[in-house]
Amino acid sequence: MNELLDERLNPFLYVVVCAAGVAGDVRELITMAQDRGWDVGVVATPQGLGFIDAAAVEAQTGYPIRSAWRLPGDPRPLPPPDAIAVAPATFNTINKWAAGVSDTLALGILCEAYGLGIPTAVLPYVNSAMAAHPAYQESLDRLRGMGVLVSSRESHQPKAVGSAPRFRWEEALELLGPAVDARR
């Protein structure tokens, strides 16, 4: 399904997808990244997996979607990332990540990325009632302090999926561009 991992020519982007209403449109980000020369692999939270068209995403990327830990000795289905975009990121994922909780593959990858110095951008998709919780702002501040590039997107009104502002998938690549360029 994929090329030899050691012989890739393009930088590799992990897109971490959480369980949010806009997750079904993640192929927009994948297309934008591919158009800019990235190879892309998707890592979904266990709940996020149900929000995306897995077959279409795998066909588009050429890689299996990762959602669960692999067994020791199993081959790594994705090359190591050059950058990570967490889009959309939920309240739960942001708070757990900032606290260092690694109870899913997605969170394990995000926690490890900090120690590896992998440029990471996060595009929250959180309603204003959840965003008002003090832990949320503290988590965003902690992530910023860790060097995570945080979207400028404002929270949306609760239960306002249809009237929420357009989700700016491209902001992940805009945020990551300078950080990835600096590593090359």
Protein backbone atom coordinates (compact mmCIF):
# COMPACT_ATOMS: atom_id res chain seq x y z
CA MET A 1 0.00 0.00 0.00
CA ASN A 2 2.88 2.41 0.65
CA GLU A 3 6.38 3.01 -0.62
CA LEU A 4 9.49 1.96 1.23
CA LEU A 5 9.50 4.13 4.32
CA ASP A 6 13.23 4.91 4.08
CA GLU A 7 13.02 6.16 0.50
CA ARG A 8 10.35 8.82 0.68
CA LEU A 9 10.92 12.07 -1.14
CA ASN A 10 8.26 14.28 0.43
CA PRO A 11 7.92 15.46 4.03
CA PHE A 12 5.39 13.46 6.02
CA LEU A 13 2.45 15.02 7.87
CA TYR A 14 0.40 13.25 10.51
CA VAL A 15 -3.15 14.56 10.72
CA VAL A 16 -4.67 13.69 14.10
CA VAL A 17 -8.47 13.69 13.84
CA CYS A 18 -10.78 13.91 16.85
CA ALA A 19 -14.52 13.28 17.20
CA ALA A 20 -16.00 16.60 16.08
CA GLY A 21 -18.69 17.39 13.54
CA VAL A 22 -16.26 18.91 11.03
CA ALA A 23 -13.99 15.83 11.06
CA GLY A 24 -15.87 14.40 8.09
CA ASP A 25 -14.26 17.11 5.95
CA VAL A 26 -10.65 16.21 6.88
CA ARG A 27 -10.00 15.26 3.27
CA GLU A 28 -9.87 19.03 2.56
CA LEU A 29 -6.74 19.31 4.72
CA ILE A 30 -5.27 16.18 3.17
CA THR A 31 -5.78 17.59 -0.34
CA MET A 32 -4.23 20.94 0.62
CA ALA A 33 -1.22 19.22 2.17
CA GLN A 34 -0.72 16.93 -0.81
CA ASP A 35 -0.98 19.91 -3.17
CA ARG A 36 1.88 21.49 -1.18
CA GLY A 37 4.11 18.43 -1.51
CA TRP A 38 3.31 16.56 1.70
CA ASP A 39 2.67 12.87 2.08
CA VAL A 40 -0.05 12.41 4.68
CA GLY A 41 -1.05 9.77 7.20
CA VAL A 42 -4.10 10.01 9.44
CA VAL A 43 -4.24 9.09 13.12
CA ALA A 44 -7.75 9.15 14.55
CA THR A 45 -8.85 9.07 18.15
CA PRO A 46 -10.97 5.99 18.81
CA GLN A 47 -14.15 8.11 18.71
CA GLY A 48 -12.85 10.25 15.84
CA LEU A 49 -12.62 7.19 13.62
CA GLY A 50 -16.42 7.09 13.44
CA PHE A 51 -16.58 10.66 12.09
CA ILE A 52 -14.55 10.10 8.91
CA ASP A 53 -14.90 8.08 5.73
CA ALA A 54 -12.03 5.71 6.44
CA ALA A 55 -12.01 4.04 3.03
CA ALA A 56 -11.91 7.39 1.20
CA VAL A 57 -9.16 8.76 3.47
CA GLU A 58 -7.03 5.63 3.05
CA ALA A 59 -7.50 5.72 -0.72
CA GLN A 60 -6.50 9.39 -0.79
CA THR A 61 -3.41 9.03 1.41
CA GLY A 62 -2.29 5.55 0.40
CA TYR A 63 -1.82 4.67 4.07
CA PRO A 64 -4.00 2.93 6.65
CA ILE A 65 -5.63 5.11 9.28
CA ARG A 66 -4.04 4.52 12.66
CA SER A 67 -6.29 4.45 15.69
CA ALA A 68 -4.96 1.70 17.93
CA TRP A 69 -1.57 0.68 19.24
CA ARG A 70 0.35 -1.84 17.18
CA LEU A 71 1.79 -4.96 18.75
CA PRO A 72 5.52 -5.17 19.43
CA GLY A 73 7.22 -6.49 16.33
CA ASP A 74 4.44 -5.37 13.98
CA PRO A 75 5.70 -3.13 11.17
CA ARG A 76 5.14 0.60 11.47
CA PRO A 77 2.41 1.45 8.96
CA LEU A 78 3.38 5.14 8.76
CA PRO A 79 6.77 6.81 8.36
CA PRO A 80 7.84 9.10 11.20
CA PRO A 81 6.25 12.55 10.94
CA ASP A 82 8.03 15.72 9.96
CA ALA A 83 5.07 17.66 11.37
CA ILE A 84 1.69 17.03 12.99
CA ALA A 85 -1.65 18.80 12.57
CA VAL A 86 -4.34 18.10 15.15
CA ALA A 87 -7.53 19.04 13.32
CA PRO A 88 -10.19 19.16 14.52
CA ALA A 89 -9.07 19.02 18.15
CA THR A 90 -11.68 18.48 20.83
CA PHE A 91 -11.90 19.78 24.40
CA ASN A 92 -11.10 16.29 25.68
CA THR A 93 -8.01 15.78 23.52
CA ILE A 94 -6.61 19.26 24.24
CA ASN A 95 -6.97 18.85 28.00
CA LYS A 96 -5.61 15.31 28.12
CA TRP A 97 -2.67 16.20 25.84
CA ALA A 98 -1.73 19.24 27.94
CA ALA A 99 -1.90 17.08 31.08
CA GLY A 100 0.38 14.44 29.56
CA VAL A 101 -2.27 11.74 29.39
CA SER A 102 -1.37 9.07 26.84
CA ASP A 103 -4.34 6.69 26.93
CA THR A 104 -4.87 6.50 23.16
CA LEU A 105 -2.50 6.16 20.23
CA ALA A 106 -3.29 9.72 19.13
CA LEU A 107 -2.46 11.16 22.55
CA GLY A 108 0.66 9.00 22.82
CA ILE A 109 1.92 10.38 19.52
CA LEU A 110 1.16 13.95 20.61
CA CYS A 111 2.85 13.56 23.99
CA GLU A 112 5.91 12.01 22.38
CA ALA A 113 6.08 14.68 19.66
CA TYR A 114 6.99 17.27 22.28
CA GLY A 115 10.07 15.31 23.35
CA LEU A 116 11.05 14.69 19.74
CA GLY A 117 10.72 18.36 18.78
CA ILE A 118 8.22 17.66 15.99
CA PRO A 119 6.44 20.85 14.85
CA THR A 120 2.80 20.50 15.86
CA ALA A 121 -0.24 22.68 15.14
CA VAL A 122 -3.64 22.38 16.79
CA LEU A 123 -6.95 23.62 15.41
CA PRO A 124 -9.49 23.40 18.24
CA TYR A 125 -13.15 22.79 17.49
CA VAL A 126 -14.71 23.56 20.86
CA ASN A 127 -17.98 25.26 21.68
CA SER A 128 -18.00 28.40 23.82
CA ALA A 129 -19.59 26.68 26.83
CA MET A 130 -16.78 24.13 26.95
CA ALA A 131 -14.15 26.77 26.16
CA ALA A 132 -15.32 28.75 29.22
CA HIS A 133 -14.07 25.99 31.53
CA PRO A 134 -10.86 27.17 33.23
CA ALA A 135 -9.00 23.95 32.39
CA TYR A 136 -9.35 24.63 28.66
CA GLN A 137 -7.51 27.97 28.65
CA GLU A 138 -4.88 26.56 30.99
CA SER A 139 -4.40 23.64 28.60
CA LEU A 140 -4.01 25.93 25.59
CA ASP A 141 -1.50 28.02 27.53
CA ARG A 142 0.46 24.91 28.47
CA LEU A 143 0.47 23.68 24.87
CA ARG A 144 1.69 27.09 23.67
CA GLY A 145 4.41 26.94 26.30
CA MET A 146 5.43 23.57 24.85
CA GLY A 147 5.82 25.19 21.44
CA VAL A 148 2.56 23.90 19.97
CA LEU A 149 1.19 26.27 17.34
CA VAL A 150 -2.41 27.07 18.32
CA SER A 151 -5.06 28.27 15.85
CA SER A 152 -6.57 31.69 16.25
CA ARG A 153 -10.04 30.19 15.67
CA GLU A 154 -12.69 31.29 18.11
CA SER A 155 -15.03 28.83 19.78
CA HIS A 156 -18.52 28.42 18.34
CA GLN A 157 -21.91 28.51 20.02
CA PRO A 158 -23.12 25.25 21.61
CA LYS A 159 -25.28 23.13 19.31
CA ALA A 160 -24.47 25.51 16.46
CA VAL A 161 -22.75 23.16 14.04
CA GLY A 162 -24.73 24.45 11.07
CA SER A 163 -24.09 28.09 11.91
CA ALA A 164 -20.48 27.75 13.10
CA PRO A 165 -17.91 29.69 11.10
CA ARG A 166 -16.16 27.75 8.34
CA PHE A 167 -13.42 25.52 9.73
CA ARG A 168 -10.13 26.81 8.30
CA TRP A 169 -8.28 23.57 7.53
CA GLU A 170 -5.58 25.54 5.72
CA GLU A 171 -4.57 27.23 8.97
CA ALA A 172 -2.78 24.02 10.01
CA LEU A 173 -0.43 24.34 7.04
CA GLU A 174 -0.07 28.09 7.52
CA LEU A 175 1.01 27.55 11.12
CA LEU A 176 3.36 24.68 10.32
CA GLY A 177 5.03 26.24 7.27
CA PRO A 178 7.61 28.42 9.05
CA ALA A 179 8.35 25.77 11.70
CA VAL A 180 8.95 23.05 9.12
CA ASP A 181 11.00 25.38 6.89
CA ALA A 182 13.25 26.18 9.87
CA ARG A 183 13.99 22.44 10.38
CA ARG A 184 15.08 21.88 6.77
